[in-house]
Amino acid sequence: MKGKIITVLVCLGFCATVLVIYRTIPQLPPIAQAEPALPSPSEATIPCYPKQYRPPVLTKKSVVGTKEYFFVLATPTYLTNSPRNEQELIFERDVIKKSCKQHDFGVNPFTDFIPEKVAIDFKEERWKQTLQLIGIEEFKNLLNTPPQIPNPFYLYEEDVKAIARLGFKPGPKAKVIQSHKDLNYLYDFLN
């Protein structure tokens, strides 16, 4: 009986110690409150934002020196406001010169017109969204897709660096484009 009482007292002491330690650990807010959503940029933030688009959703902002870069999703006003109609837009704003311009990237690598650090940041955001949309297994399959007609899949070096940040690398079947010459050769080869 004496042994049971000692065991109960030891257990109560242990539980009290755990409770005291637990109460001294700072409590984190719920995930939804841990990181506030990025505000949508306004026309004051992006003075050159085209009026033919609905207000943008800020996906990523990056700063290098006196320049701010914005990677946004926007829907043209003539289309319904839905995710399938969203277009990616990139803006560059020089805070000192108070200038702003929109970059049209088409199939070109982002590094053709913005610094590599910014390009990789933006590509990481793009690949992160793709990963969340299709899941890990499909993402791995995508990264091992060979280039085929009519829409050949290929990666630029900035894509490889961005997906490496997410813990992935391209598979052996994927084509990594090193230069515009490689891209021209790829399209000539497939046609």
Protein backbone atom coordinates (compact mmCIF):
# COMPACT_ATOMS: atom_id res chain seq x y z
CA MET A 1 0.00 0.00 0.00
CA LYS A 2 2.82 2.34 0.89
CA GLY A 3 4.42 1.64 -2.53
CA LYS A 4 1.17 2.55 -4.33
CA ILE A 5 0.92 5.84 -2.46
CA ILE A 6 4.51 6.71 -3.35
CA THR A 7 3.85 5.81 -7.01
CA VAL A 8 0.73 8.02 -7.06
CA LEU A 9 2.64 10.93 -5.46
CA VAL A 10 5.50 10.55 -7.97
CA CYS A 11 3.01 10.52 -10.87
CA LEU A 12 1.22 13.61 -9.52
CA GLY A 13 4.57 15.38 -9.13
CA PHE A 14 5.54 14.45 -12.67
CA CYS A 15 2.18 15.68 -14.05
CA ALA A 16 2.51 18.96 -12.11
CA THR A 17 6.03 19.46 -13.52
CA VAL A 18 4.80 18.82 -17.07
CA LEU A 19 1.93 21.27 -16.58
CA VAL A 20 4.29 23.98 -15.29
CA ILE A 21 6.67 23.46 -18.21
CA TYR A 22 3.79 23.46 -20.71
CA ARG A 23 2.46 26.76 -19.38
CA THR A 24 5.90 28.40 -19.72
CA ILE A 25 6.24 27.45 -23.41
CA PRO A 26 5.00 30.32 -25.59
CA GLN A 27 1.84 29.28 -27.41
CA LEU A 28 1.81 29.76 -31.18
CA PRO A 29 -1.27 31.22 -32.83
CA PRO A 30 -3.33 28.94 -35.04
CA ILE A 31 -1.84 28.44 -38.51
CA ALA A 32 -4.41 30.71 -40.13
CA GLN A 33 -3.20 33.58 -37.93
CA ALA A 34 0.50 32.76 -37.87
CA GLU A 35 1.31 34.48 -41.17
CA PRO A 36 -0.98 37.26 -42.38
CA ALA A 37 -2.01 37.15 -46.01
CA LEU A 38 -0.10 39.46 -48.31
CA PRO A 39 -2.15 42.55 -49.11
CA SER A 40 -3.26 43.08 -52.67
CA PRO A 41 -1.11 45.74 -54.31
CA SER A 42 -2.86 48.99 -55.07
CA GLU A 43 -2.36 51.38 -57.97
CA ALA A 44 -0.17 53.44 -55.63
CA THR A 45 2.04 50.37 -55.14
CA ILE A 46 2.17 49.49 -58.84
CA PRO A 47 1.55 52.75 -60.71
CA CYS A 48 1.88 51.08 -64.11
CA TYR A 49 -0.73 48.40 -63.39
CA PRO A 50 -2.87 48.13 -66.54
CA LYS A 51 -6.50 49.23 -66.22
CA GLN A 52 -7.69 46.37 -68.43
CA TYR A 53 -7.12 43.95 -65.51
CA ARG A 54 -9.11 43.46 -62.33
CA PRO A 55 -7.29 44.27 -59.07
CA PRO A 56 -4.31 41.92 -58.74
CA VAL A 57 -3.59 39.27 -56.15
CA LEU A 58 -0.03 39.70 -54.90
CA THR A 59 1.68 36.37 -55.15
CA LYS A 60 5.26 37.40 -54.37
CA LYS A 61 7.22 40.59 -53.79
CA SER A 62 11.00 40.82 -53.91
CA VAL A 63 13.29 43.79 -53.37
CA VAL A 64 16.78 44.30 -54.79
CA GLY A 65 18.44 47.64 -54.08
CA THR A 66 16.06 50.46 -54.94
CA LYS A 67 13.81 48.24 -57.04
CA GLU A 68 10.69 46.37 -56.00
CA TYR A 69 9.46 43.46 -58.09
CA PHE A 70 5.91 42.15 -57.99
CA PHE A 71 4.69 38.80 -59.27
CA VAL A 72 0.90 38.97 -59.44
CA LEU A 73 -2.05 37.03 -60.73
CA ALA A 74 -4.61 39.16 -62.55
CA THR A 75 -7.71 38.58 -64.61
CA PRO A 76 -8.49 40.75 -67.65
CA THR A 77 -11.70 42.72 -67.14
CA TYR A 78 -13.31 41.18 -70.24
CA LEU A 79 -13.05 37.66 -68.73
CA THR A 80 -14.88 36.16 -65.76
CA ASN A 81 -12.98 36.42 -62.50
CA SER A 82 -11.91 32.80 -62.06
CA PRO A 83 -8.58 31.00 -61.46
CA ARG A 84 -8.53 29.58 -64.99
CA ASN A 85 -8.57 33.13 -66.43
CA GLU A 86 -5.75 34.44 -64.24
CA GLN A 87 -2.58 35.59 -65.93
CA GLU A 88 0.86 36.00 -64.41
CA LEU A 89 2.21 39.54 -64.55
CA ILE A 90 5.58 40.90 -63.41
CA PHE A 91 6.17 44.52 -62.52
CA GLU A 92 9.38 46.37 -61.67
CA ARG A 93 9.22 49.60 -59.68
CA ASP A 94 12.22 51.84 -59.02
CA VAL A 95 11.48 53.59 -55.72
CA ILE A 96 14.09 56.34 -56.22
CA LYS A 97 13.33 57.15 -59.87
CA LYS A 98 9.60 56.62 -59.25
CA SER A 99 9.36 54.58 -62.43
CA CYS A 100 7.42 51.42 -63.08
CA LYS A 101 7.23 48.95 -65.94
CA GLN A 102 5.54 45.69 -66.74
CA HIS A 103 7.62 42.81 -68.10
CA ASP A 104 6.27 40.54 -70.80
CA PHE A 105 8.10 37.24 -70.44
CA GLY A 106 6.31 34.84 -72.80
CA VAL A 107 8.49 31.72 -73.02
CA ASN A 108 11.68 33.55 -72.03
CA PRO A 109 13.42 32.92 -68.73
CA PHE A 110 12.71 35.54 -66.08
CA THR A 111 16.46 36.17 -65.80
CA ASP A 112 16.33 37.85 -69.22
CA PHE A 113 14.80 40.92 -67.57
CA ILE A 114 14.97 40.66 -63.76
CA PRO A 115 17.82 39.76 -61.37
CA GLU A 116 18.45 36.06 -60.81
CA LYS A 117 17.53 36.23 -57.10
CA VAL A 118 14.13 37.69 -57.98
CA ALA A 119 13.60 35.24 -60.84
CA ILE A 120 14.27 32.28 -58.56
CA ASP A 121 11.97 33.73 -55.85
CA PHE A 122 9.16 34.12 -58.38
CA LYS A 123 9.72 30.70 -59.95
CA GLU A 124 9.75 29.11 -56.49
CA GLU A 125 6.34 30.65 -55.82
CA ARG A 126 5.06 29.39 -59.17
CA TRP A 127 6.36 25.85 -58.55
CA LYS A 128 5.04 25.85 -54.97
CA GLN A 129 1.55 26.61 -56.28
CA THR A 130 1.87 23.83 -58.85
CA LEU A 131 2.98 21.39 -56.16
CA GLN A 132 0.02 22.30 -53.95
CA LEU A 133 -2.35 21.94 -56.87
CA ILE A 134 -1.24 18.53 -58.21
CA GLY A 135 0.41 16.81 -55.21
CA ILE A 136 3.85 15.30 -54.68
CA GLU A 137 3.63 12.24 -56.95
CA GLU A 138 2.24 14.14 -59.95
CA PHE A 139 4.82 16.88 -59.31
CA LYS A 140 7.66 14.33 -59.45
CA ASN A 141 6.18 12.91 -62.67
CA LEU A 142 5.95 16.39 -64.15
CA LEU A 143 9.62 17.03 -63.36
CA ASN A 144 10.52 13.92 -65.34
CA THR A 145 8.47 14.74 -68.45
CA PRO A 146 10.36 14.61 -71.76
CA PRO A 147 9.78 17.43 -74.26
CA GLN A 148 7.08 16.40 -76.71
CA ILE A 149 4.88 18.05 -79.33
CA PRO A 150 2.66 20.13 -79.21
CA ASN A 151 3.65 21.72 -75.85
CA PRO A 152 7.17 20.62 -74.97
CA PHE A 153 8.00 20.59 -71.28
CA TYR A 154 11.37 22.09 -70.39
CA LEU A 155 13.03 23.88 -67.51
CA TYR A 156 15.39 26.83 -67.28
CA GLU A 157 18.25 26.97 -64.78
CA GLU A 158 16.15 29.34 -62.64
CA ASP A 159 13.44 26.62 -62.51
CA VAL A 160 15.98 24.00 -61.42
CA LYS A 161 17.21 26.29 -58.61
CA ALA A 162 13.65 27.11 -57.56
CA ILE A 163 12.50 23.50 -57.38
CA ALA A 164 15.69 22.64 -55.47
CA ARG A 165 14.51 25.09 -52.79
CA LEU A 166 11.36 22.97 -52.56
CA GLY A 167 13.44 19.81 -52.17
CA PHE A 168 13.09 18.41 -55.70
CA LYS A 169 15.22 18.04 -58.81
CA PRO A 170 14.38 17.34 -62.45
CA GLY A 171 14.24 13.74 -63.57
CA PRO A 172 16.53 12.29 -66.25
CA LYS A 173 13.91 12.71 -69.01
CA ALA A 174 13.40 16.45 -68.39
CA LYS A 175 15.12 18.95 -70.67
CA VAL A 176 17.00 21.80 -68.99
CA ILE A 177 17.53 24.76 -71.30
CA GLN A 178 20.91 26.42 -70.84
CA SER A 179 20.61 29.09 -73.57
CA HIS A 180 18.29 30.49 -76.22
CA LYS A 181 20.20 28.34 -78.70
CA ASP A 182 19.07 25.21 -76.79
CA LEU A 183 15.48 26.40 -76.90
CA ASN A 184 15.62 27.06 -80.65
CA TYR A 185 17.20 23.64 -81.20
CA LEU A 186 14.49 21.98 -79.11
CA TYR A 187 11.68 23.53 -81.16
CA ASP A 188 13.46 22.80 -84.45
CA PHE A 189 14.08 19.20 -83.37
CA LEU A 190 10.44 18.63 -82.36
CA ASN A 191 8.98 20.16 -85.53
